[in-house]
Amino acid sequence: MKRHDVLSEKGFVKGLLILFILVGIVFVGISFGRPYIRYNTLKSHTKDILTIETSAAPERIKGLVMEEAKALKVPLSEENLTVTIDSKKFTRVKGRWSETVNFWDYYSRKFDFEMDVEL
């Protein structure tokens, strides 16, 4: 069998097209996954903060959560973050924000997130 038969132009173009499609799928998956990964990470870190800072003031907890949000590049503003402590000493942290995923100005999608953590 000749080498030309094995690596024909048709097979090369087909392989290249499949490779481009797979790279595109991975890129889209990563682009859409990042906001969700940041949301879950911030939620987990907020639970950790509430576990460690059991007797902290709401302002201190709010400051720690905002630091984590900034470190994770979550677009959370202080106006959209509330920390409340009820009479039974349960602490609740609620936050909301939106992130937009943009594909080269061709397609964009806005994701709204609501975080509600209680300990």
PDB file of N, CA and C in Angstrom:
ATOM      1  N   MET A   1       0.850  -1.172   0.000  1.00  0.00           N
ATOM      2  CA  MET A   1       0.000   0.000   0.000  1.00  0.00           C
ATOM      3  C   MET A   1       0.897   1.236   0.000  1.00  0.00           C
ATOM      4  N   LYS A   2       0.572   2.177  -0.832  1.00  0.00           N
ATOM      5  CA  LYS A   2       1.370   3.391  -0.929  1.00  0.00           C
ATOM      6  C   LYS A   2       0.987   4.368   0.180  1.00  0.00           C
ATOM      7  N   ARG A   3       1.956   5.165   0.609  1.00  0.00           N
ATOM      8  CA  ARG A   3       1.714   6.179   1.647  1.00  0.00           C
ATOM      9  C   ARG A   3       0.675   7.188   1.182  1.00  0.00           C
ATOM     10  N   HIS A   4       0.645   7.478  -0.087  1.00  0.00           N
ATOM     11  CA  HIS A   4      -0.304   8.441  -0.623  1.00  0.00           C
ATOM     12  C   HIS A   4      -1.753   7.979  -0.407  1.00  0.00           C
ATOM     13  N   ASP A   5      -1.987   6.683  -0.495  1.00  0.00           N
ATOM     14  CA  ASP A   5      -3.335   6.154  -0.300  1.00  0.00           C
ATOM     15  C   ASP A   5      -3.796   6.300   1.149  1.00  0.00           C
ATOM     16  N   VAL A   6      -2.892   6.102   2.097  1.00  0.00           N
ATOM     17  CA  VAL A   6      -3.244   6.156   3.510  1.00  0.00           C
ATOM     18  C   VAL A   6      -3.530   7.591   3.945  1.00  0.00           C
ATOM     19  N   LEU A   7      -2.710   8.530   3.528  1.00  0.00           N
ATOM     20  CA  LEU A   7      -2.870   9.926   3.918  1.00  0.00           C
ATOM     21  C   LEU A   7      -3.372  10.750   2.732  1.00  0.00           C
ATOM     22  N   SER A   8      -4.498  10.414   2.228  1.00  0.00           N
ATOM     23  CA  SER A   8      -5.041  11.152   1.093  1.00  0.00           C
ATOM     24  C   SER A   8      -5.517  12.525   1.550  1.00  0.00           C
ATOM     25  N   GLU A   9      -5.722  13.398   0.596  1.00  0.00           N
ATOM     26  CA  GLU A   9      -6.158  14.758   0.917  1.00  0.00           C
ATOM     27  C   GLU A   9      -7.524  14.758   1.599  1.00  0.00           C
ATOM     28  N   LYS A  10      -8.398  13.873   1.171  1.00  0.00           N
ATOM     29  CA  LYS A  10      -9.742  13.800   1.750  1.00  0.00           C
ATOM     30  C   LYS A  10      -9.680  13.404   3.227  1.00  0.00           C
ATOM     31  N   GLY A  11      -8.844  12.446   3.555  1.00  0.00           N
ATOM     32  CA  GLY A  11      -8.697  12.010   4.946  1.00  0.00           C
ATOM     33  C   GLY A  11      -8.048  13.069   5.815  1.00  0.00           C
ATOM     34  N   PHE A  12      -7.097  13.807   5.253  1.00  0.00           N
ATOM     35  CA  PHE A  12      -6.421  14.870   6.008  1.00  0.00           C
ATOM     36  C   PHE A  12      -7.381  16.006   6.329  1.00  0.00           C
ATOM     37  N   VAL A  13      -8.171  16.421   5.353  1.00  0.00           N
ATOM     38  CA  VAL A  13      -9.130  17.516   5.562  1.00  0.00           C
ATOM     39  C   VAL A  13     -10.195  17.091   6.565  1.00  0.00           C
ATOM     40  N   LYS A  14     -10.656  15.868   6.459  1.00  0.00           N
ATOM     41  CA  LYS A  14     -11.661  15.353   7.394  1.00  0.00           C
ATOM     42  C   LYS A  14     -11.113  15.329   8.824  1.00  0.00           C
ATOM     43  N   GLY A  15      -9.882  14.862   8.995  1.00  0.00           N
ATOM     44  CA  GLY A  15      -9.255  14.831  10.320  1.00  0.00           C
ATOM     45  C   GLY A  15      -9.061  16.231  10.887  1.00  0.00           C
ATOM     46  N   LEU A  16      -8.651  17.160  10.026  1.00  0.00           N
ATOM     47  CA  LEU A  16      -8.459  18.545  10.455  1.00  0.00           C
ATOM     48  C   LEU A  16      -9.776  19.181  10.865  1.00  0.00           C
ATOM     49  N   LEU A  17     -10.840  18.913  10.119  1.00  0.00           N
ATOM     50  CA  LEU A  17     -12.165  19.445  10.447  1.00  0.00           C
ATOM     51  C   LEU A  17     -12.651  18.893  11.789  1.00  0.00           C
ATOM     52  N   ILE A  18     -12.469  17.621  12.018  1.00  0.00           N
ATOM     53  CA  ILE A  18     -12.871  17.013  13.294  1.00  0.00           C
ATOM     54  C   ILE A  18     -12.082  17.623  14.451  1.00  0.00           C
ATOM     55  N   LEU A  19     -10.793  17.856  14.227  1.00  0.00           N
ATOM     56  CA  LEU A  19      -9.962  18.480  15.260  1.00  0.00           C
ATOM     57  C   LEU A  19     -10.460  19.881  15.593  1.00  0.00           C
ATOM     58  N   PHE A  20     -10.793  20.690  14.598  1.00  0.00           N
ATOM     59  CA  PHE A  20     -11.318  22.037  14.832  1.00  0.00           C
ATOM     60  C   PHE A  20     -12.645  21.998  15.583  1.00  0.00           C
ATOM     61  N   ILE A  21     -13.498  21.059  15.235  1.00  0.00           N
ATOM     62  CA  ILE A  21     -14.796  20.931  15.922  1.00  0.00           C
ATOM     63  C   ILE A  21     -14.584  20.565  17.393  1.00  0.00           C
ATOM     64  N   LEU A  22     -13.687  19.632  17.661  1.00  0.00           N
ATOM     65  CA  LEU A  22     -13.411  19.242  19.055  1.00  0.00           C
ATOM     66  C   LEU A  22     -12.821  20.399  19.856  1.00  0.00           C
ATOM     67  N   VAL A  23     -11.903  21.153  19.262  1.00  0.00           N
ATOM     68  CA  VAL A  23     -11.325  22.312  19.946  1.00  0.00           C
ATOM     69  C   VAL A  23     -12.413  23.344  20.223  1.00  0.00           C
ATOM     70  N   GLY A  24     -13.314  23.550  19.281  1.00  0.00           N
ATOM     71  CA  GLY A  24     -14.422  24.491  19.480  1.00  0.00           C
ATOM     72  C   GLY A  24     -15.342  24.064  20.606  1.00  0.00           C
ATOM     73  N   ILE A  25     -15.644  22.783  20.679  1.00  0.00           N
ATOM     74  CA  ILE A  25     -16.514  22.268  21.748  1.00  0.00           C
ATOM     75  C   ILE A  25     -15.851  22.451  23.111  1.00  0.00           C
ATOM     76  N   VAL A  26     -14.566  22.174  23.190  1.00  0.00           N
ATOM     77  CA  VAL A  26     -13.841  22.356  24.457  1.00  0.00           C
ATOM     78  C   VAL A  26     -13.833  23.835  24.850  1.00  0.00           C
ATOM     79  N   PHE A  27     -13.598  24.725  23.896  1.00  0.00           N
ATOM     80  CA  PHE A  27     -13.583  26.161  24.179  1.00  0.00           C
ATOM     81  C   PHE A  27     -14.940  26.637  24.695  1.00  0.00           C
ATOM     82  N   VAL A  28     -16.017  26.207  24.050  1.00  0.00           N
ATOM     83  CA  VAL A  28     -17.366  26.591  24.486  1.00  0.00           C
ATOM     84  C   VAL A  28     -17.642  26.043  25.884  1.00  0.00           C
ATOM     85  N   GLY A  29     -17.256  24.811  26.135  1.00  0.00           N
ATOM     86  CA  GLY A  29     -17.463  24.212  27.457  1.00  0.00           C
ATOM     87  C   GLY A  29     -16.727  24.959  28.550  1.00  0.00           C
ATOM     88  N   ILE A  30     -15.493  25.333  28.276  1.00  0.00           N
ATOM     89  CA  ILE A  30     -14.724  26.096  29.270  1.00  0.00           C
ATOM     90  C   ILE A  30     -15.326  27.470  29.473  1.00  0.00           C
ATOM     91  N   SER A  31     -15.725  28.127  28.394  1.00  0.00           N
ATOM     92  CA  SER A  31     -16.291  29.480  28.504  1.00  0.00           C
ATOM     93  C   SER A  31     -17.584  29.481  29.307  1.00  0.00           C
ATOM     94  N   PHE A  32     -18.452  28.498  29.078  1.00  0.00           N
ATOM     95  CA  PHE A  32     -19.706  28.435  29.825  1.00  0.00           C
ATOM     96  C   PHE A  32     -19.490  27.896  31.232  1.00  0.00           C
ATOM     97  N   GLY A  33     -18.450  27.112  31.451  1.00  0.00           N
ATOM     98  CA  GLY A  33     -18.211  26.517  32.762  1.00  0.00           C
ATOM     99  C   GLY A  33     -17.595  27.462  33.775  1.00  0.00           C
ATOM    100  N   ARG A  34     -16.805  28.429  33.327  1.00  0.00           N
ATOM    101  CA  ARG A  34     -16.125  29.332  34.261  1.00  0.00           C
ATOM    102  C   ARG A  34     -17.055  30.042  35.236  1.00  0.00           C
ATOM    103  N   PRO A  35     -18.150  30.662  34.786  1.00  0.00           N
ATOM    104  CA  PRO A  35     -19.021  31.328  35.759  1.00  0.00           C
ATOM    105  C   PRO A  35     -19.572  30.375  36.815  1.00  0.00           C
ATOM    106  N   TYR A  36     -19.908  29.155  36.425  1.00  0.00           N
ATOM    107  CA  TYR A  36     -20.432  28.181  37.382  1.00  0.00           C
ATOM    108  C   TYR A  36     -19.355  27.712  38.361  1.00  0.00           C
ATOM    109  N   ILE A  37     -18.143  27.569  37.874  1.00  0.00           N
ATOM    110  CA  ILE A  37     -17.046  27.196  38.765  1.00  0.00           C
ATOM    111  C   ILE A  37     -16.809  28.299  39.789  1.00  0.00           C
ATOM    112  N   ARG A  38     -16.818  29.563  39.348  1.00  0.00           N
ATOM    113  CA  ARG A  38     -16.647  30.685  40.285  1.00  0.00           C
ATOM    114  C   ARG A  38     -17.787  30.735  41.300  1.00  0.00           C
ATOM    115  N   TYR A  39     -19.019  30.488  40.850  1.00  0.00           N
ATOM    116  CA  TYR A  39     -20.172  30.482  41.752  1.00  0.00           C
ATOM    117  C   TYR A  39     -20.016  29.405  42.826  1.00  0.00           C
ATOM    118  N   ASN A  40     -19.701  28.190  42.410  1.00  0.00           N
ATOM    119  CA  ASN A  40     -19.558  27.095  43.371  1.00  0.00           C
ATOM    120  C   ASN A  40     -18.380  27.303  44.309  1.00  0.00           C
ATOM    121  N   THR A  41     -17.292  27.872  43.804  1.00  0.00           N
ATOM    122  CA  THR A  41     -16.130  28.135  44.650  1.00  0.00           C
ATOM    123  C   THR A  41     -16.451  29.204  45.681  1.00  0.00           C
ATOM    124  N   LEU A  42     -17.111  30.289  45.267  1.00  0.00           N
ATOM    125  CA  LEU A  42     -17.475  31.343  46.221  1.00  0.00           C
ATOM    126  C   LEU A  42     -18.450  30.814  47.273  1.00  0.00           C
ATOM    127  N   LYS A  43     -19.382  29.987  46.859  1.00  0.00           N
ATOM    128  CA  LYS A  43     -20.337  29.406  47.804  1.00  0.00           C
ATOM    129  C   LYS A  43     -19.617  28.526  48.827  1.00  0.00           C
ATOM    130  N   SER A  44     -18.671  27.732  48.370  1.00  0.00           N
ATOM    131  CA  SER A  44     -17.893  26.871  49.260  1.00  0.00           C
ATOM    132  C   SER A  44     -17.043  27.694  50.220  1.00  0.00           C
ATOM    133  N   HIS A  45     -16.397  28.735  49.710  1.00  0.00           N
ATOM    134  CA  HIS A  45     -15.575  29.584  50.569  1.00  0.00           C
ATOM    135  C   HIS A  45     -16.431  30.336  51.585  1.00  0.00           C
ATOM    136  N   THR A  46     -17.635  30.716  51.190  1.00  0.00           N
ATOM    137  CA  THR A  46     -18.542  31.389  52.123  1.00  0.00           C
ATOM    138  C   THR A  46     -18.941  30.437  53.249  1.00  0.00           C
ATOM    139  N   LYS A  47     -19.206  29.176  52.935  1.00  0.00           N
ATOM    140  CA  LYS A  47     -19.504  28.192  53.980  1.00  0.00           C
ATOM    141  C   LYS A  47     -18.324  28.043  54.936  1.00  0.00           C
ATOM    142  N   ASP A  48     -17.116  28.026  54.375  1.00  0.00           N
ATOM    143  CA  ASP A  48     -15.918  27.936  55.214  1.00  0.00           C
ATOM    144  C   ASP A  48     -15.786  29.150  56.126  1.00  0.00           C
ATOM    145  N   ILE A  49     -16.059  30.325  55.587  1.00  0.00           N
ATOM    146  CA  ILE A  49     -15.988  31.556  56.387  1.00  0.00           C
ATOM    147  C   ILE A  49     -16.990  31.491  57.532  1.00  0.00           C
ATOM    148  N   LEU A  50     -18.201  31.043  57.259  1.00  0.00           N
ATOM    149  CA  LEU A  50     -19.225  30.952  58.305  1.00  0.00           C
ATOM    150  C   LEU A  50     -18.854  29.905  59.350  1.00  0.00           C
ATOM    151  N   THR A  51     -18.175  28.855  58.935  1.00  0.00           N
ATOM    152  CA  THR A  51     -17.752  27.824  59.887  1.00  0.00           C
ATOM    153  C   THR A  51     -16.658  28.346  60.809  1.00  0.00           C
ATOM    154  N   ILE A  52     -15.732  29.097  60.255  1.00  0.00           N
ATOM    155  CA  ILE A  52     -14.602  29.610  61.043  1.00  0.00           C
ATOM    156  C   ILE A  52     -15.003  30.824  61.882  1.00  0.00           C
ATOM    157  N   GLU A  53     -15.726  31.740  61.276  1.00  0.00           N
ATOM    158  CA  GLU A  53     -16.101  32.997  61.947  1.00  0.00           C
ATOM    159  C   GLU A  53     -17.477  32.854  62.595  1.00  0.00           C
ATOM    160  N   THR A  54     -17.610  31.970  63.560  1.00  0.00           N
ATOM    161  CA  THR A  54     -18.925  31.704  64.152  1.00  0.00           C
ATOM    162  C   THR A  54     -19.480  32.871  64.964  1.00  0.00           C
ATOM    163  N   SER A  55     -18.625  33.658  65.582  1.00  0.00           N
ATOM    164  CA  SER A  55     -19.128  34.753  66.412  1.00  0.00           C
ATOM    165  C   SER A  55     -18.748  36.126  65.857  1.00  0.00           C
ATOM    166  N   ALA A  56     -18.446  36.198  64.561  1.00  0.00           N
ATOM    167  CA  ALA A  56     -18.039  37.473  63.958  1.00  0.00           C
ATOM    168  C   ALA A  56     -19.251  38.345  63.670  1.00  0.00           C
ATOM    169  N   ALA A  57     -19.006  39.646  63.579  1.00  0.00           N
ATOM    170  CA  ALA A  57     -20.054  40.600  63.239  1.00  0.00           C
ATOM    171  C   ALA A  57     -20.401  40.477  61.751  1.00  0.00           C
ATOM    172  N   PRO A  58     -21.620  40.826  61.389  1.00  0.00           N
ATOM    173  CA  PRO A  58     -22.018  40.747  59.979  1.00  0.00           C
ATOM    174  C   PRO A  58     -21.100  41.540  59.046  1.00  0.00           C
ATOM    175  N   GLU A  59     -20.603  42.682  59.520  1.00  0.00           N
ATOM    176  CA  GLU A  59     -19.717  43.496  58.682  1.00  0.00           C
ATOM    177  C   GLU A  59     -18.407  42.751  58.374  1.00  0.00           C
ATOM    178  N   ARG A  60     -17.888  42.039  59.360  1.00  0.00           N
ATOM    179  CA  ARG A  60     -16.645  41.272  59.174  1.00  0.00           C
ATOM    180  C   ARG A  60     -16.866  40.148  58.171  1.00  0.00           C
ATOM    181  N   ILE A  61     -17.975  39.424  58.304  1.00  0.00           N
ATOM    182  CA  ILE A  61     -18.288  38.335  57.380  1.00  0.00           C
ATOM    183  C   ILE A  61     -18.474  38.888  55.968  1.00  0.00           C
ATOM    184  N   LYS A  62     -19.179  39.997  55.864  1.00  0.00           N
ATOM    185  CA  LYS A  62     -19.403  40.618  54.562  1.00  0.00           C
ATOM    186  C   LYS A  62     -18.069  41.009  53.919  1.00  0.00           C
ATOM    187  N   GLY A  63     -17.167  41.560  54.711  1.00  0.00           N
ATOM    188  CA  GLY A  63     -15.856  41.936  54.200  1.00  0.00           C
ATOM    189  C   GLY A  63     -15.052  40.737  53.715  1.00  0.00           C
ATOM    190  N   LEU A  64     -15.103  39.643  54.459  1.00  0.00           N
ATOM    191  CA  LEU A  64     -14.382  38.424  54.060  1.00  0.00           C
ATOM    192  C   LEU A  64     -14.953  37.820  52.773  1.00  0.00           C
ATOM    193  N   VAL A  65     -16.275  37.820  52.663  1.00  0.00           N
ATOM    194  CA  VAL A  65     -16.911  37.290  51.456  1.00  0.00           C
ATOM    195  C   VAL A  65     -16.569  38.168  50.249  1.00  0.00           C
ATOM    196  N   MET A  66     -16.560  39.489  50.449  1.00  0.00           N
ATOM    197  CA  MET A  66     -16.213  40.399  49.357  1.00  0.00           C
ATOM    198  C   MET A  66     -14.758  40.203  48.921  1.00  0.00           C
ATOM    199  N   GLU A  67     -13.864  39.941  49.878  1.00  0.00           N
ATOM    200  CA  GLU A  67     -12.465  39.658  49.533  1.00  0.00           C
ATOM    201  C   GLU A  67     -12.362  38.399  48.679  1.00  0.00           C
ATOM    202  N   GLU A  68     -13.102  37.369  49.060  1.00  0.00           N
ATOM    203  CA  GLU A  68     -13.098  36.127  48.287  1.00  0.00           C
ATOM    204  C   GLU A  68     -13.666  36.356  46.886  1.00  0.00           C
ATOM    205  N   ALA A  69     -14.749  37.124  46.802  1.00  0.00           N
ATOM    206  CA  ALA A  69     -15.357  37.407  45.501  1.00  0.00           C
ATOM    207  C   ALA A  69     -14.375  38.156  44.603  1.00  0.00           C
ATOM    208  N   LYS A  70     -13.663  39.097  45.188  1.00  0.00           N
ATOM    209  CA  LYS A  70     -12.677  39.854  44.413  1.00  0.00           C
ATOM    210  C   LYS A  70     -11.546  38.948  43.951  1.00  0.00           C
ATOM    211  N   ALA A  71     -11.077  38.063  44.823  1.00  0.00           N
ATOM    212  CA  ALA A  71      -9.996  37.140  44.465  1.00  0.00           C
ATOM    213  C   ALA A  71     -10.425  36.175  43.357  1.00  0.00           C
ATOM    214  N   LEU A  72     -11.689  35.777  43.368  1.00  0.00           N
ATOM    215  CA  LEU A  72     -12.209  34.852  42.357  1.00  0.00           C
ATOM    216  C   LEU A  72     -12.706  35.571  41.103  1.00  0.00           C
ATOM    217  N   LYS A  73     -12.667  36.892  41.112  1.00  0.00           N
ATOM    218  CA  LYS A  73     -13.149  37.726  40.001  1.00  0.00           C
ATOM    219  C   LYS A  73     -14.642  37.547  39.759  1.00  0.00           C
ATOM    220  N   VAL A  74     -15.384  37.450  40.862  1.00  0.00           N
ATOM    221  CA  VAL A  74     -16.837  37.383  40.795  1.00  0.00           C
ATOM    222  C   VAL A  74     -17.352  38.818  40.874  1.00  0.00           C
ATOM    223  N   PRO A  75     -18.191  39.247  39.927  1.00  0.00           N
ATOM    224  CA  PRO A  75     -18.677  40.632  39.924  1.00  0.00           C
ATOM    225  C   PRO A  75     -19.794  40.876  40.942  1.00  0.00           C
ATOM    226  N   LEU A  76     -19.483  40.683  42.198  1.00  0.00           N
ATOM    227  CA  LEU A  76     -20.449  40.856  43.287  1.00  0.00           C
ATOM    228  C   LEU A  76     -20.211  42.212  43.925  1.00  0.00           C
ATOM    229  N   SER A  77     -21.276  42.988  44.042  1.00  0.00           N
ATOM    230  CA  SER A  77     -21.154  44.294  44.686  1.00  0.00           C
ATOM    231  C   SER A  77     -21.667  44.214  46.120  1.00  0.00           C
ATOM    232  N   GLU A  78     -21.200  45.131  46.954  1.00  0.00           N
ATOM    233  CA  GLU A  78     -21.615  45.123  48.360  1.00  0.00           C
ATOM    234  C   GLU A  78     -23.113  45.360  48.511  1.00  0.00           C
ATOM    235  N   GLU A  79     -23.714  46.084  47.578  1.00  0.00           N
ATOM    236  CA  GLU A  79     -25.161  46.340  47.650  1.00  0.00           C
ATOM    237  C   GLU A  79     -25.978  45.067  47.439  1.00  0.00           C
ATOM    238  N   ASN A  80     -25.396  44.117  46.722  1.00  0.00           N
ATOM    239  CA  ASN A  80     -26.103  42.865  46.432  1.00  0.00           C
ATOM    240  C   ASN A  80     -25.700  41.722  47.356  1.00  0.00           C
ATOM    241  N   LEU A  81     -25.037  42.055  48.454  1.00  0.00           N
ATOM    242  CA  LEU A  81     -24.627  41.052  49.431  1.00  0.00           C
ATOM    243  C   LEU A  81     -25.188  41.427  50.800  1.00  0.00           C
ATOM    244  N   THR A  82     -25.914  40.499  51.411  1.00  0.00           N
ATOM    245  CA  THR A  82     -26.465  40.751  52.748  1.00  0.00           C
ATOM    246  C   THR A  82     -26.035  39.636  53.688  1.00  0.00           C
ATOM    247  N   VAL A  83     -25.758  40.038  54.918  1.00  0.00           N
ATOM    248  CA  VAL A  83     -25.404  39.088  55.972  1.00  0.00           C
ATOM    249  C   VAL A  83     -26.335  39.365  57.135  1.00  0.00           C
ATOM    250  N   THR A  84     -27.074  38.346  57.551  1.00  0.00           N
ATOM    251  CA  THR A  84     -27.995  38.509  58.674  1.00  0.00           C
ATOM    252  C   THR A  84     -27.739  37.409  59.704  1.00  0.00           C
ATOM    253  N   ILE A  85     -27.917  37.787  60.962  1.00  0.00           N
ATOM    254  CA  ILE A  85     -27.813  36.834  62.073  1.00  0.00           C
ATOM    255  C   ILE A  85     -29.132  36.904  62.825  1.00  0.00           C
ATOM    256  N   ASP A  86     -29.821  35.771  62.930  1.00  0.00           N
ATOM    257  CA  ASP A  86     -31.119  35.787  63.605  1.00  0.00           C
ATOM    258  C   ASP A  86     -30.965  35.505  65.098  1.00  0.00           C
ATOM    259  N   SER A  87     -32.080  35.453  65.790  1.00  0.00           N
ATOM    260  CA  SER A  87     -32.071  35.288  67.248  1.00  0.00           C
ATOM    261  C   SER A  87     -31.520  33.924  67.686  1.00  0.00           C
ATOM    262  N   LYS A  88     -31.551  32.933  66.812  1.00  0.00           N
ATOM    263  CA  LYS A  88     -31.036  31.606  67.143  1.00  0.00           C
ATOM    264  C   LYS A  88     -29.566  31.457  66.764  1.00  0.00           C
ATOM    265  N   LYS A  89     -28.929  32.565  66.424  1.00  0.00           N
ATOM    266  CA  LYS A  89     -27.507  32.610  66.063  1.00  0.00           C
ATOM    267  C   LYS A  89     -27.190  31.920  64.728  1.00  0.00           C
ATOM    268  N   PHE A  90     -28.203  31.807  63.878  1.00  0.00           N
ATOM    269  CA  PHE A  90     -27.956  31.315  62.523  1.00  0.00           C
ATOM    270  C   PHE A  90     -27.525  32.495  61.662  1.00  0.00           C
ATOM    271  N   THR A  91     -26.475  32.297  60.896  1.00  0.00           N
ATOM    272  CA  THR A  91     -25.977  33.346  60.017  1.00  0.00           C
ATOM    273  C   THR A  91     -26.344  32.987  58.584  1.00  0.00           C
ATOM    274  N   ARG A  92     -26.883  33.967  57.867  1.00  0.00           N
ATOM    275  CA  ARG A  92     -27.285  33.756  56.474  1.00  0.00           C
ATOM    276  C   ARG A  92     -26.606  34.797  55.597  1.00  0.00           C
ATOM    277  N   VAL A  93     -25.992  34.311  54.531  1.00  0.00           N
ATOM    278  CA  VAL A  93     -25.339  35.185  53.559  1.00  0.00           C
ATOM    279  C   VAL A  93     -26.057  35.008  52.229  1.00  0.00           C
ATOM    280  N   LYS A  94     -26.536  36.129  51.686  1.00  0.00           N
ATOM    281  CA  LYS A  94     -27.223  36.097  50.396  1.00  0.00           C
ATOM    282  C   LYS A  94     -26.533  37.072  49.451  1.00  0.00           C
ATOM    283  N   GLY A  95     -26.334  36.634  48.241  1.00  0.00           N
ATOM    284  CA  GLY A  95     -25.712  37.488  47.240  1.00  0.00           C
ATOM    285  C   GLY A  95     -26.271  37.195  45.859  1.00  0.00           C
ATOM    286  N   ARG A  96     -26.270  38.225  45.001  1.00  0.00           N
ATOM    287  CA  ARG A  96     -26.718  38.062  43.621  1.00  0.00           C
ATOM    288  C   ARG A  96     -25.783  38.828  42.701  1.00  0.00           C
ATOM    289  N   TRP A  97     -25.553  38.243  41.545  1.00  0.00           N
ATOM    290  CA  TRP A  97     -24.758  38.908  40.526  1.00  0.00           C
ATOM    291  C   TRP A  97     -25.042  38.275  39.169  1.00  0.00           C
ATOM    292  N   SER A  98     -24.574  38.930  38.136  1.00  0.00           N
ATOM    293  CA  SER A  98     -24.728  38.444  36.769  1.00  0.00           C
ATOM    294  C   SER A  98     -23.370  38.440  36.082  1.00  0.00           C
ATOM    295  N   GLU A  99     -23.192  37.465  35.218  1.00  0.00           N
ATOM    296  CA  GLU A  99     -21.985  37.389  34.395  1.00  0.00           C
ATOM    297  C   GLU A  99     -22.418  37.131  32.961  1.00  0.00           C
ATOM    298  N   THR A 100     -21.709  37.734  32.029  1.00  0.00           N
ATOM    299  CA  THR A 100     -22.005  37.561  30.616  1.00  0.00           C
ATOM    300  C   THR A 100     -20.837  36.862  29.930  1.00  0.00           C
ATOM    301  N   VAL A 101     -21.154  35.802  29.220  1.00  0.00           N
ATOM    302  CA  VAL A 101     -20.156  35.081  28.429  1.00  0.00           C
ATOM    303  C   VAL A 101     -20.302  35.588  26.999  1.00  0.00           C
ATOM    304  N   ASN A 102     -19.192  36.044  26.413  1.00  0.00           N
ATOM    305  CA  ASN A 102     -19.220  36.638  25.091  1.00  0.00           C
ATOM    306  C   ASN A 102     -18.277  35.877  24.167  1.00  0.00           C
ATOM    307  N   PHE A 103     -18.793  35.435  23.031  1.00  0.00           N
ATOM    308  CA  PHE A 103     -17.985  34.741  22.025  1.00  0.00           C
ATOM    309  C   PHE A 103     -17.688  35.694  20.875  1.00  0.00           C
ATOM    310  N   TRP A 104     -16.603  36.417  20.990  1.00  0.00           N
ATOM    311  CA  TRP A 104     -16.097  37.314  19.938  1.00  0.00           C
ATOM    312  C   TRP A 104     -17.178  38.237  19.386  1.00  0.00           C
ATOM    313  N   ASP A 105     -18.057  38.737  20.227  1.00  0.00           N
ATOM    314  CA  ASP A 105     -19.167  39.619  19.849  1.00  0.00           C
ATOM    315  C   ASP A 105     -20.148  38.984  18.861  1.00  0.00           C
ATOM    316  N   TYR A 106     -20.059  37.694  18.669  1.00  0.00           N
ATOM    317  CA  TYR A 106     -20.982  36.980  17.790  1.00  0.00           C
ATOM    318  C   TYR A 106     -22.190  36.479  18.570  1.00  0.00           C
ATOM    319  N   TYR A 107     -21.949  35.980  19.759  1.00  0.00           N
ATOM    320  CA  TYR A 107     -23.010  35.444  20.619  1.00  0.00           C
ATOM    321  C   TYR A 107     -22.647  35.733  22.058  1.00  0.00           C
ATOM    322  N   SER A 108     -23.601  36.243  22.817  1.00  0.00           N
ATOM    323  CA  SER A 108     -23.354  36.450  24.244  1.00  0.00           C
ATOM    324  C   SER A 108     -24.537  35.912  25.031  1.00  0.00           C
ATOM    325  N   ARG A 109     -24.234  35.482  26.223  1.00  0.00           N
ATOM    326  CA  ARG A 109     -25.260  34.896  27.092  1.00  0.00           C
ATOM    327  C   ARG A 109     -25.051  35.414  28.498  1.00  0.00           C
ATOM    328  N   LYS A 110     -26.110  35.880  29.129  1.00  0.00           N
ATOM    329  CA  LYS A 110     -26.052  36.410  30.486  1.00  0.00           C
ATOM    330  C   LYS A 110     -26.532  35.341  31.464  1.00  0.00           C
ATOM    331  N   PHE A 111     -25.741  35.151  32.517  1.00  0.00           N
ATOM    332  CA  PHE A 111     -26.084  34.197  33.568  1.00  0.00           C
ATOM    333  C   PHE A 111     -26.323  34.963  34.863  1.00  0.00           C
ATOM    334  N   ASP A 112     -27.438  34.678  35.527  1.00  0.00           N
ATOM    335  CA  ASP A 112     -27.755  35.295  36.819  1.00  0.00           C
ATOM    336  C   ASP A 112     -27.536  34.262  37.910  1.00  0.00           C
ATOM    337  N   PHE A 113     -26.827  34.681  38.947  1.00  0.00           N
ATOM    338  CA  PHE A 113     -26.519  33.784  40.058  1.00  0.00           C
ATOM    339  C   PHE A 113     -27.089  34.334  41.354  1.00  0.00           C
ATOM    340  N   GLU A 114     -27.590  33.424  42.182  1.00  0.00           N
ATOM    341  CA  GLU A 114     -28.063  33.762  43.527  1.00  0.00           C
ATOM    342  C   GLU A 114     -27.409  32.782  44.493  1.00  0.00           C
ATOM    343  N   MET A 115     -26.703  33.352  45.449  1.00  0.00           N
ATOM    344  CA  MET A 115     -26.045  32.527  46.457  1.00  0.00           C
ATOM    345  C   MET A 115     -26.795  32.715  47.770  1.00  0.00           C
ATOM    346  N   ASP A 116     -27.133  31.620  48.407  1.00  0.00           N
ATOM    347  CA  ASP A 116     -27.819  31.655  49.689  1.00  0.00           C
ATOM    348  C   ASP A 116     -27.188  30.590  50.579  1.00  0.00           C
ATOM    349  N   VAL A 117     -26.387  31.040  51.554  1.00  0.00           N
ATOM    350  CA  VAL A 117     -25.675  30.127  52.443  1.00  0.00           C
ATOM    351  C   VAL A 117     -26.114  30.411  53.869  1.00  0.00           C
ATOM    352  N   GLU A 118     -26.462  29.363  54.589  1.00  0.00           N
ATOM    353  CA  GLU A 118     -26.882  29.518  55.976  1.00  0.00           C
ATOM    354  C   GLU A 118     -26.139  28.508  56.849  1.00  0.00           C
ATOM    355  N   LEU A 119     -25.705  28.989  57.992  1.00  0.00           N
ATOM    356  CA  LEU A 119     -25.022  28.100  58.935  1.00  0.00           C
ATOM    357  C   LEU A 119     -25.400  28.476  60.347  1.00  0.00           C
TER     358      LEU A 119
END
